[in-house]
Amino acid sequence: DLFSELNGLSKRGQWAQMAELIHDDMLDAFAVRGEPEDIPRKVMDRYGDLVTRVSVYAPYRISRERWKKVLEAFRAG
C-alpha cells in the first residue's frame, strides 16, 4: 500500500521520510535483524536449507573476532 508514496519520496531524495513509514513488522518481512551472533540462527530458523548465500549490512564497526564467530556459526549450520 505504501509503494506510491515511497516511490515519490525516493524520487525527491527524501530518504529519512521514507524510513519513518517503514515499521519493524514490514522490515522483518524482508530482512533478518539482530545482534551479529544471533543472525546465523535466525537465518537458519527462517530459511533452513534454502540459504546458500548471505549478504550482511552492518552500519557500524565490528571486530574481526566477532565476525569470525558469526561466520563459524553459519558454517556450523
N, C-alpha and C. Protein backbone atom coordinates (compact mmCIF):
# COMPACT_ATOMS: atom_id res chain seq x y z
N ASP A 1 0.81 -1.20 0.00
CA ASP A 1 0.00 0.00 0.00
C ASP A 1 0.85 1.27 0.00
N LEU A 2 2.07 1.15 0.43
CA LEU A 2 2.95 2.33 0.53
C LEU A 2 3.76 2.59 -0.73
N PHE A 3 3.67 1.72 -1.71
CA PHE A 3 4.54 1.83 -2.88
C PHE A 3 4.53 3.22 -3.50
N SER A 4 3.38 3.74 -3.81
CA SER A 4 3.31 5.04 -4.49
C SER A 4 3.94 6.14 -3.66
N GLU A 5 3.64 6.14 -2.36
CA GLU A 5 4.21 7.17 -1.50
C GLU A 5 5.73 7.03 -1.37
N LEU A 6 6.19 5.80 -1.17
CA LEU A 6 7.64 5.57 -1.06
C LEU A 6 8.35 5.89 -2.37
N ASN A 7 7.74 5.54 -3.49
CA ASN A 7 8.32 5.83 -4.79
C ASN A 7 8.49 7.34 -4.98
N GLY A 8 7.46 8.09 -4.64
CA GLY A 8 7.52 9.55 -4.76
C GLY A 8 8.59 10.15 -3.87
N LEU A 9 8.67 9.67 -2.64
CA LEU A 9 9.69 10.17 -1.72
C LEU A 9 11.09 9.85 -2.22
N SER A 10 11.28 8.67 -2.77
CA SER A 10 12.61 8.30 -3.29
C SER A 10 13.02 9.20 -4.44
N LYS A 11 12.09 9.54 -5.29
CA LYS A 11 12.40 10.41 -6.43
C LYS A 11 12.76 11.82 -5.99
N ARG A 12 12.28 12.20 -4.81
CA ARG A 12 12.61 13.52 -4.27
C ARG A 12 13.80 13.47 -3.31
N GLY A 13 14.38 12.27 -3.13
CA GLY A 13 15.53 12.11 -2.25
C GLY A 13 15.19 12.25 -0.78
N GLN A 14 13.97 12.00 -0.42
CA GLN A 14 13.52 12.16 0.97
C GLN A 14 13.61 10.82 1.71
N TRP A 15 14.84 10.36 1.88
CA TRP A 15 15.10 9.04 2.46
C TRP A 15 14.68 8.97 3.92
N ALA A 16 14.91 10.01 4.70
CA ALA A 16 14.54 10.00 6.11
C ALA A 16 13.03 9.86 6.27
N GLN A 17 12.28 10.54 5.42
CA GLN A 17 10.83 10.44 5.48
C GLN A 17 10.36 9.03 5.11
N MET A 18 11.07 8.40 4.19
CA MET A 18 10.73 7.02 3.82
C MET A 18 10.91 6.09 5.01
N ALA A 19 12.01 6.25 5.72
CA ALA A 19 12.31 5.39 6.87
C ALA A 19 11.23 5.50 7.94
N GLU A 20 10.66 6.69 8.09
CA GLU A 20 9.61 6.88 9.09
C GLU A 20 8.35 6.08 8.77
N LEU A 21 8.15 5.71 7.51
CA LEU A 21 6.96 4.98 7.10
C LEU A 21 7.12 3.46 7.21
N ILE A 22 8.36 3.01 7.36
CA ILE A 22 8.63 1.57 7.42
C ILE A 22 8.68 1.13 8.88
N HIS A 23 7.73 0.31 9.28
CA HIS A 23 7.66 -0.17 10.65
C HIS A 23 8.41 -1.50 10.77
N ASP A 24 8.72 -1.88 11.99
CA ASP A 24 9.51 -3.09 12.23
C ASP A 24 8.89 -4.33 11.60
N ASP A 25 7.57 -4.48 11.66
CA ASP A 25 6.96 -5.68 11.08
C ASP A 25 7.14 -5.72 9.57
N MET A 26 7.16 -4.56 8.93
CA MET A 26 7.40 -4.51 7.48
C MET A 26 8.85 -4.90 7.18
N LEU A 27 9.76 -4.35 7.95
CA LEU A 27 11.18 -4.65 7.75
C LEU A 27 11.45 -6.13 7.98
N ASP A 28 10.82 -6.69 8.99
CA ASP A 28 11.02 -8.11 9.29
C ASP A 28 10.51 -9.03 8.19
N ALA A 29 9.62 -8.55 7.36
CA ALA A 29 9.13 -9.35 6.24
C ALA A 29 10.21 -9.52 5.17
N PHE A 30 11.19 -8.60 5.14
CA PHE A 30 12.22 -8.62 4.10
C PHE A 30 13.63 -8.86 4.61
N ALA A 31 13.84 -8.74 5.92
CA ALA A 31 15.20 -8.83 6.46
C ALA A 31 15.22 -9.65 7.75
N VAL A 32 16.38 -10.17 8.04
CA VAL A 32 16.62 -10.83 9.32
C VAL A 32 17.47 -9.85 10.13
N ARG A 33 16.97 -9.45 11.28
CA ARG A 33 17.66 -8.45 12.09
C ARG A 33 18.03 -9.00 13.45
N GLY A 34 19.11 -8.46 14.03
CA GLY A 34 19.51 -8.84 15.37
C GLY A 34 20.98 -8.59 15.59
N GLU A 35 21.44 -9.00 16.74
CA GLU A 35 22.87 -8.92 17.03
C GLU A 35 23.59 -9.88 16.09
N PRO A 36 24.80 -9.54 15.68
CA PRO A 36 25.51 -10.40 14.73
C PRO A 36 25.54 -11.87 15.13
N GLU A 37 25.75 -12.15 16.40
CA GLU A 37 25.83 -13.54 16.86
C GLU A 37 24.50 -14.28 16.73
N ASP A 38 23.39 -13.54 16.68
CA ASP A 38 22.07 -14.16 16.58
C ASP A 38 21.63 -14.42 15.14
N ILE A 39 22.27 -13.76 14.20
CA ILE A 39 21.83 -13.83 12.81
C ILE A 39 21.91 -15.23 12.21
N PRO A 40 22.99 -15.98 12.39
CA PRO A 40 23.01 -17.33 11.79
C PRO A 40 21.83 -18.18 12.21
N ARG A 41 21.51 -18.21 13.50
CA ARG A 41 20.37 -18.99 13.98
C ARG A 41 19.06 -18.48 13.40
N LYS A 42 18.90 -17.16 13.37
CA LYS A 42 17.66 -16.58 12.84
C LYS A 42 17.50 -16.89 11.35
N VAL A 43 18.59 -16.83 10.60
CA VAL A 43 18.53 -17.13 9.17
C VAL A 43 18.17 -18.60 8.97
N MET A 44 18.80 -19.49 9.72
CA MET A 44 18.53 -20.91 9.57
C MET A 44 17.10 -21.25 10.01
N ASP A 45 16.63 -20.61 11.10
CA ASP A 45 15.25 -20.84 11.55
C ASP A 45 14.25 -20.41 10.49
N ARG A 46 14.55 -19.32 9.82
CA ARG A 46 13.60 -18.76 8.85
C ARG A 46 13.69 -19.45 7.48
N TYR A 47 14.91 -19.73 7.03
CA TYR A 47 15.09 -20.21 5.66
C TYR A 47 15.61 -21.64 5.55
N GLY A 48 16.16 -22.18 6.62
CA GLY A 48 16.65 -23.55 6.59
C GLY A 48 17.62 -23.82 5.46
N ASP A 49 17.39 -24.91 4.72
CA ASP A 49 18.29 -25.34 3.65
C ASP A 49 18.22 -24.46 2.40
N LEU A 50 17.30 -23.54 2.35
CA LEU A 50 17.16 -22.70 1.16
C LEU A 50 18.28 -21.69 0.99
N VAL A 51 18.98 -21.38 2.08
CA VAL A 51 20.02 -20.36 2.04
C VAL A 51 21.33 -20.95 1.54
N THR A 52 21.89 -20.34 0.51
CA THR A 52 23.21 -20.72 0.03
C THR A 52 24.17 -19.53 0.05
N ARG A 53 23.62 -18.34 0.23
CA ARG A 53 24.44 -17.12 0.23
C ARG A 53 23.75 -16.07 1.10
N VAL A 54 24.55 -15.32 1.86
CA VAL A 54 24.02 -14.29 2.75
C VAL A 54 24.76 -12.99 2.50
N SER A 55 24.03 -11.89 2.51
CA SER A 55 24.62 -10.56 2.41
C SER A 55 24.33 -9.85 3.72
N VAL A 56 25.33 -9.21 4.28
CA VAL A 56 25.19 -8.57 5.58
C VAL A 56 25.33 -7.07 5.43
N TYR A 57 24.42 -6.33 6.05
CA TYR A 57 24.54 -4.88 6.14
C TYR A 57 24.73 -4.55 7.61
N ALA A 58 25.89 -4.06 7.95
CA ALA A 58 26.19 -3.68 9.33
C ALA A 58 26.73 -2.25 9.30
N PRO A 59 25.90 -1.27 9.62
CA PRO A 59 26.32 0.13 9.53
C PRO A 59 27.16 0.58 10.74
N TYR A 60 27.99 -0.31 11.23
CA TYR A 60 28.82 0.00 12.39
C TYR A 60 30.07 -0.86 12.30
N ARG A 61 31.08 -0.47 13.07
CA ARG A 61 32.32 -1.24 13.09
C ARG A 61 32.12 -2.49 13.95
N ILE A 62 32.73 -3.57 13.52
CA ILE A 62 32.66 -4.82 14.27
C ILE A 62 34.04 -5.49 14.18
N SER A 63 34.47 -6.06 15.28
CA SER A 63 35.81 -6.64 15.32
C SER A 63 35.90 -7.89 14.44
N ARG A 64 37.10 -8.16 13.98
CA ARG A 64 37.34 -9.36 13.17
C ARG A 64 36.97 -10.61 13.95
N GLU A 65 37.26 -10.61 15.25
CA GLU A 65 36.97 -11.78 16.08
C GLU A 65 35.45 -12.03 16.15
N ARG A 66 34.70 -10.97 16.24
CA ARG A 66 33.23 -11.12 16.29
C ARG A 66 32.71 -11.65 14.96
N TRP A 67 33.23 -11.12 13.83
CA TRP A 67 32.82 -11.63 12.51
C TRP A 67 33.19 -13.10 12.37
N LYS A 68 34.36 -13.45 12.89
CA LYS A 68 34.80 -14.84 12.81
C LYS A 68 33.79 -15.77 13.49
N LYS A 69 33.29 -15.36 14.66
CA LYS A 69 32.30 -16.17 15.37
C LYS A 69 31.00 -16.28 14.58
N VAL A 70 30.60 -15.19 13.96
CA VAL A 70 29.37 -15.21 13.15
C VAL A 70 29.54 -16.17 11.98
N LEU A 71 30.66 -16.07 11.28
CA LEU A 71 30.90 -16.94 10.12
C LEU A 71 30.99 -18.41 10.54
N GLU A 72 31.62 -18.66 11.67
CA GLU A 72 31.70 -20.04 12.17
C GLU A 72 30.30 -20.60 12.47
N ALA A 73 29.43 -19.75 13.01
CA ALA A 73 28.07 -20.19 13.30
C ALA A 73 27.32 -20.52 12.02
N PHE A 74 27.53 -19.73 10.96
CA PHE A 74 26.91 -20.04 9.66
C PHE A 74 27.44 -21.37 9.13
N ARG A 75 28.74 -21.56 9.21
CA ARG A 75 29.34 -22.79 8.69
C ARG A 75 28.83 -24.02 9.45
N ALA A 76 28.61 -23.85 10.74
CA ALA A 76 28.12 -24.97 11.55
C ALA A 76 26.68 -25.32 11.19
N GLY A 77 25.98 -24.32 10.63
CA GLY A 77 24.62 -24.54 10.12
C GLY A 77 23.65 -24.84 11.19
